[in-house]
Amino acid sequence: MDLSPVTDMAWQMACVEAAAAKMEFIEPEHFLASLTKLQQMRGGEAASF
């Protein structure tokens, strides 16, 4: 399945979060942490819908 570049980055960052926590699986909290970091990388600006 083709993912958008941002979705792919979120997956990769979630993998790093899980590995840093020495977890066997990627859990929802790892995605939350990765999305939070992506938001910070954007300068903390709120998403516009």
PDB file of N, CA and C in Angstrom:
ATOM      1  N   MET A   1       0.849  -1.172   0.000  1.00  0.00           N
ATOM      2  CA  MET A   1       0.000   0.000   0.000  1.00  0.00           C
ATOM      3  C   MET A   1       0.894   1.234   0.000  1.00  0.00           C
ATOM      4  N   ASP A   2       0.561   2.184  -0.839  1.00  0.00           N
ATOM      5  CA  ASP A   2       1.305   3.442  -0.897  1.00  0.00           C
ATOM      6  C   ASP A   2       0.795   4.384   0.178  1.00  0.00           C
ATOM      7  N   LEU A   3       1.718   4.909   0.952  1.00  0.00           N
ATOM      8  CA  LEU A   3       1.380   5.866   1.999  1.00  0.00           C
ATOM      9  C   LEU A   3       1.877   7.240   1.601  1.00  0.00           C
ATOM     10  N   SER A   4       1.216   8.254   2.128  1.00  0.00           N
ATOM     11  CA  SER A   4       1.702   9.615   1.885  1.00  0.00           C
ATOM     12  C   SER A   4       3.046   9.764   2.595  1.00  0.00           C
ATOM     13  N   PRO A   5       3.851  10.699   2.165  1.00  0.00           N
ATOM     14  CA  PRO A   5       5.156  10.900   2.816  1.00  0.00           C
ATOM     15  C   PRO A   5       5.032  11.172   4.316  1.00  0.00           C
ATOM     16  N   VAL A   6       4.034  11.942   4.721  1.00  0.00           N
ATOM     17  CA  VAL A   6       3.869  12.256   6.141  1.00  0.00           C
ATOM     18  C   VAL A   6       3.437  11.014   6.920  1.00  0.00           C
ATOM     19  N   THR A   7       2.554  10.213   6.341  1.00  0.00           N
ATOM     20  CA  THR A   7       2.120   8.968   7.000  1.00  0.00           C
ATOM     21  C   THR A   7       3.284   8.011   7.140  1.00  0.00           C
ATOM     22  N   ASP A   8       4.091   7.903   6.095  1.00  0.00           N
ATOM     23  CA  ASP A   8       5.273   7.044   6.147  1.00  0.00           C
ATOM     24  C   ASP A   8       6.238   7.524   7.232  1.00  0.00           C
ATOM     25  N   MET A   9       6.414   8.841   7.334  1.00  0.00           N
ATOM     26  CA  MET A   9       7.295   9.384   8.366  1.00  0.00           C
ATOM     27  C   MET A   9       6.743   9.089   9.760  1.00  0.00           C
ATOM     28  N   ALA A  10       5.424   9.209   9.935  1.00  0.00           N
ATOM     29  CA  ALA A  10       4.809   8.918  11.229  1.00  0.00           C
ATOM     30  C   ALA A  10       5.035   7.455  11.615  1.00  0.00           C
ATOM     31  N   TRP A  11       4.912   6.538  10.649  1.00  0.00           N
ATOM     32  CA  TRP A  11       5.184   5.121  10.910  1.00  0.00           C
ATOM     33  C   TRP A  11       6.631   4.925  11.350  1.00  0.00           C
ATOM     34  N   GLN A  12       7.548   5.530  10.621  1.00  0.00           N
ATOM     35  CA  GLN A  12       8.961   5.380  10.947  1.00  0.00           C
ATOM     36  C   GLN A  12       9.273   5.926  12.335  1.00  0.00           C
ATOM     37  N   MET A  13       8.693   7.070  12.647  1.00  0.00           N
ATOM     38  CA  MET A  13       8.929   7.662  13.959  1.00  0.00           C
ATOM     39  C   MET A  13       8.294   6.824  15.062  1.00  0.00           C
ATOM     40  N   ALA A  14       7.139   6.229  14.792  1.00  0.00           N
ATOM     41  CA  ALA A  14       6.500   5.343  15.765  1.00  0.00           C
ATOM     42  C   ALA A  14       7.373   4.109  16.009  1.00  0.00           C
ATOM     43  N   CYS A  15       8.017   3.617  14.969  1.00  0.00           N
ATOM     44  CA  CYS A  15       8.940   2.481  15.123  1.00  0.00           C
ATOM     45  C   CYS A  15      10.105   2.863  16.030  1.00  0.00           C
ATOM     46  N   VAL A  16      10.632   4.056  15.834  1.00  0.00           N
ATOM     47  CA  VAL A  16      11.739   4.528  16.671  1.00  0.00           C
ATOM     48  C   VAL A  16      11.287   4.662  18.118  1.00  0.00           C
ATOM     49  N   GLU A  17      10.079   5.208  18.326  1.00  0.00           N
ATOM     50  CA  GLU A  17       9.538   5.353  19.686  1.00  0.00           C
ATOM     51  C   GLU A  17       9.401   3.992  20.356  1.00  0.00           C
ATOM     52  N   ALA A  18       8.882   3.012  19.637  1.00  0.00           N
ATOM     53  CA  ALA A  18       8.704   1.667  20.197  1.00  0.00           C
ATOM     54  C   ALA A  18      10.059   1.039  20.528  1.00  0.00           C
ATOM     55  N   ALA A  19      11.021   1.196  19.640  1.00  0.00           N
ATOM     56  CA  ALA A  19      12.355   0.636  19.878  1.00  0.00           C
ATOM     57  C   ALA A  19      13.016   1.303  21.078  1.00  0.00           C
ATOM     58  N   ALA A  20      12.848   2.616  21.199  1.00  0.00           N
ATOM     59  CA  ALA A  20      13.446   3.341  22.329  1.00  0.00           C
ATOM     60  C   ALA A  20      12.853   2.883  23.658  1.00  0.00           C
ATOM     61  N   ALA A  21      11.589   2.479  23.617  1.00  0.00           N
ATOM     62  CA  ALA A  21      10.923   1.996  24.830  1.00  0.00           C
ATOM     63  C   ALA A  21      11.124   0.494  25.027  1.00  0.00           C
ATOM     64  N   LYS A  22      11.915  -0.112  24.126  1.00  0.00           N
ATOM     65  CA  LYS A  22      12.202  -1.552  24.174  1.00  0.00           C
ATOM     66  C   LYS A  22      10.915  -2.393  24.137  1.00  0.00           C
ATOM     67  N   MET A  23       9.982  -1.932  23.298  1.00  0.00           N
ATOM     68  CA  MET A  23       8.711  -2.632  23.139  1.00  0.00           C
ATOM     69  C   MET A  23       8.792  -3.559  21.935  1.00  0.00           C
ATOM     70  N   GLU A  24       8.066  -4.664  22.012  1.00  0.00           N
ATOM     71  CA  GLU A  24       8.056  -5.623  20.919  1.00  0.00           C
ATOM     72  C   GLU A  24       7.163  -5.152  19.775  1.00  0.00           C
ATOM     73  N   PHE A  25       6.108  -4.423  20.117  1.00  0.00           N
ATOM     74  CA  PHE A  25       5.133  -3.997  19.132  1.00  0.00           C
ATOM     75  C   PHE A  25       4.988  -2.475  19.139  1.00  0.00           C
ATOM     76  N   ILE A  26       4.516  -1.949  18.019  1.00  0.00           N
ATOM     77  CA  ILE A  26       4.191  -0.530  17.941  1.00  0.00           C
ATOM     78  C   ILE A  26       2.783  -0.378  18.499  1.00  0.00           C
ATOM     79  N   GLU A  27       2.660   0.445  19.526  1.00  0.00           N
ATOM     80  CA  GLU A  27       1.382   0.660  20.205  1.00  0.00           C
ATOM     81  C   GLU A  27       0.842   2.045  19.849  1.00  0.00           C
ATOM     82  N   PRO A  28      -0.450   2.292  20.116  1.00  0.00           N
ATOM     83  CA  PRO A  28      -1.032   3.604  19.798  1.00  0.00           C
ATOM     84  C   PRO A  28      -0.270   4.774  20.404  1.00  0.00           C
ATOM     85  N   GLU A  29       0.273   4.587  21.602  1.00  0.00           N
ATOM     86  CA  GLU A  29       1.000   5.702  22.219  1.00  0.00           C
ATOM     87  C   GLU A  29       2.259   6.064  21.436  1.00  0.00           C
ATOM     88  N   HIS A  30       2.822   5.121  20.699  1.00  0.00           N
ATOM     89  CA  HIS A  30       3.993   5.414  19.876  1.00  0.00           C
ATOM     90  C   HIS A  30       3.592   6.294  18.692  1.00  0.00           C
ATOM     91  N   PHE A  31       2.399   6.035  18.128  1.00  0.00           N
ATOM     92  CA  PHE A  31       1.898   6.899  17.055  1.00  0.00           C
ATOM     93  C   PHE A  31       1.583   8.286  17.585  1.00  0.00           C
ATOM     94  N   LEU A  32       0.995   8.349  18.758  1.00  0.00           N
ATOM     95  CA  LEU A  32       0.693   9.648  19.352  1.00  0.00           C
ATOM     96  C   LEU A  32       1.977  10.451  19.548  1.00  0.00           C
ATOM     97  N   ALA A  33       3.000   9.794  20.060  1.00  0.00           N
ATOM     98  CA  ALA A  33       4.285  10.481  20.255  1.00  0.00           C
ATOM     99  C   ALA A  33       4.854  10.942  18.916  1.00  0.00           C
ATOM    100  N   SER A  34       4.752  10.104  17.893  1.00  0.00           N
ATOM    101  CA  SER A  34       5.301  10.489  16.585  1.00  0.00           C
ATOM    102  C   SER A  34       4.511  11.639  15.974  1.00  0.00           C
ATOM    103  N   LEU A  35       3.189  11.639  16.125  1.00  0.00           N
ATOM    104  CA  LEU A  35       2.385  12.732  15.596  1.00  0.00           C
ATOM    105  C   LEU A  35       2.671  14.032  16.332  1.00  0.00           C
ATOM    106  N   THR A  36       2.899  13.923  17.636  1.00  0.00           N
ATOM    107  CA  THR A  36       3.249  15.108  18.419  1.00  0.00           C
ATOM    108  C   THR A  36       4.580  15.682  17.943  1.00  0.00           C
ATOM    109  N   LYS A  37       5.545  14.816  17.688  1.00  0.00           N
ATOM    110  CA  LYS A  37       6.846  15.281  17.206  1.00  0.00           C
ATOM    111  C   LYS A  37       6.749  15.873  15.802  1.00  0.00           C
ATOM    112  N   LEU A  38       5.899  15.284  14.962  1.00  0.00           N
ATOM    113  CA  LEU A  38       5.702  15.857  13.635  1.00  0.00           C
ATOM    114  C   LEU A  38       5.111  17.261  13.748  1.00  0.00           C
ATOM    115  N   GLN A  39       4.166  17.435  14.662  1.00  0.00           N
ATOM    116  CA  GLN A  39       3.569  18.753  14.876  1.00  0.00           C
ATOM    117  C   GLN A  39       4.629  19.752  15.331  1.00  0.00           C
ATOM    118  N   GLN A  40       5.502  19.311  16.226  1.00  0.00           N
ATOM    119  CA  GLN A  40       6.573  20.192  16.699  1.00  0.00           C
ATOM    120  C   GLN A  40       7.521  20.553  15.563  1.00  0.00           C
ATOM    121  N   MET A  41       7.771  19.612  14.668  1.00  0.00           N
ATOM    122  CA  MET A  41       8.645  19.863  13.527  1.00  0.00           C
ATOM    123  C   MET A  41       8.045  20.910  12.592  1.00  0.00           C
ATOM    124  N   ARG A  42       6.719  20.986  12.562  1.00  0.00           N
ATOM    125  CA  ARG A  42       6.031  21.977  11.734  1.00  0.00           C
ATOM    126  C   ARG A  42       6.001  23.338  12.409  1.00  0.00           C
ATOM    127  N   GLY A  43       6.583  23.435  13.576  1.00  0.00           N
ATOM    128  CA  GLY A  43       6.616  24.713  14.269  1.00  0.00           C
ATOM    129  C   GLY A  43       5.460  24.889  15.235  1.00  0.00           C
ATOM    130  N   GLY A  44       4.748  23.791  15.522  1.00  0.00           N
ATOM    131  CA  GLY A  44       3.670  23.844  16.489  1.00  0.00           C
ATOM    132  C   GLY A  44       2.404  24.490  15.983  1.00  0.00           C
ATOM    133  N   GLU A  45       2.329  24.779  14.690  1.00  0.00           N
ATOM    134  CA  GLU A  45       1.134  25.421  14.166  1.00  0.00           C
ATOM    135  C   GLU A  45      -0.032  24.427  14.150  1.00  0.00           C
ATOM    136  N   ALA A  46      -1.204  24.911  14.387  1.00  0.00           N
ATOM    137  CA  ALA A  46      -2.394  24.064  14.420  1.00  0.00           C
ATOM    138  C   ALA A  46      -2.744  23.638  12.992  1.00  0.00           C
ATOM    139  N   ALA A  47      -3.278  22.433  12.880  1.00  0.00           N
ATOM    140  CA  ALA A  47      -3.709  21.944  11.584  1.00  0.00           C
ATOM    141  C   ALA A  47      -4.924  22.732  11.126  1.00  0.00           C
ATOM    142  N   SER A  48      -4.977  23.061   9.865  1.00  0.00           N
ATOM    143  CA  SER A  48      -6.146  23.772   9.340  1.00  0.00           C
ATOM    144  C   SER A  48      -6.993  22.799   8.533  1.00  0.00           C
ATOM    145  N   PHE A  49      -8.270  22.855   8.786  1.00  0.00           N
ATOM    146  CA  PHE A  49      -9.205  21.945   8.104  1.00  0.00           C
ATOM    147  C   PHE A  49     -10.120  22.703   7.191  1.00  0.00           C
TER     148      PHE A  49
END
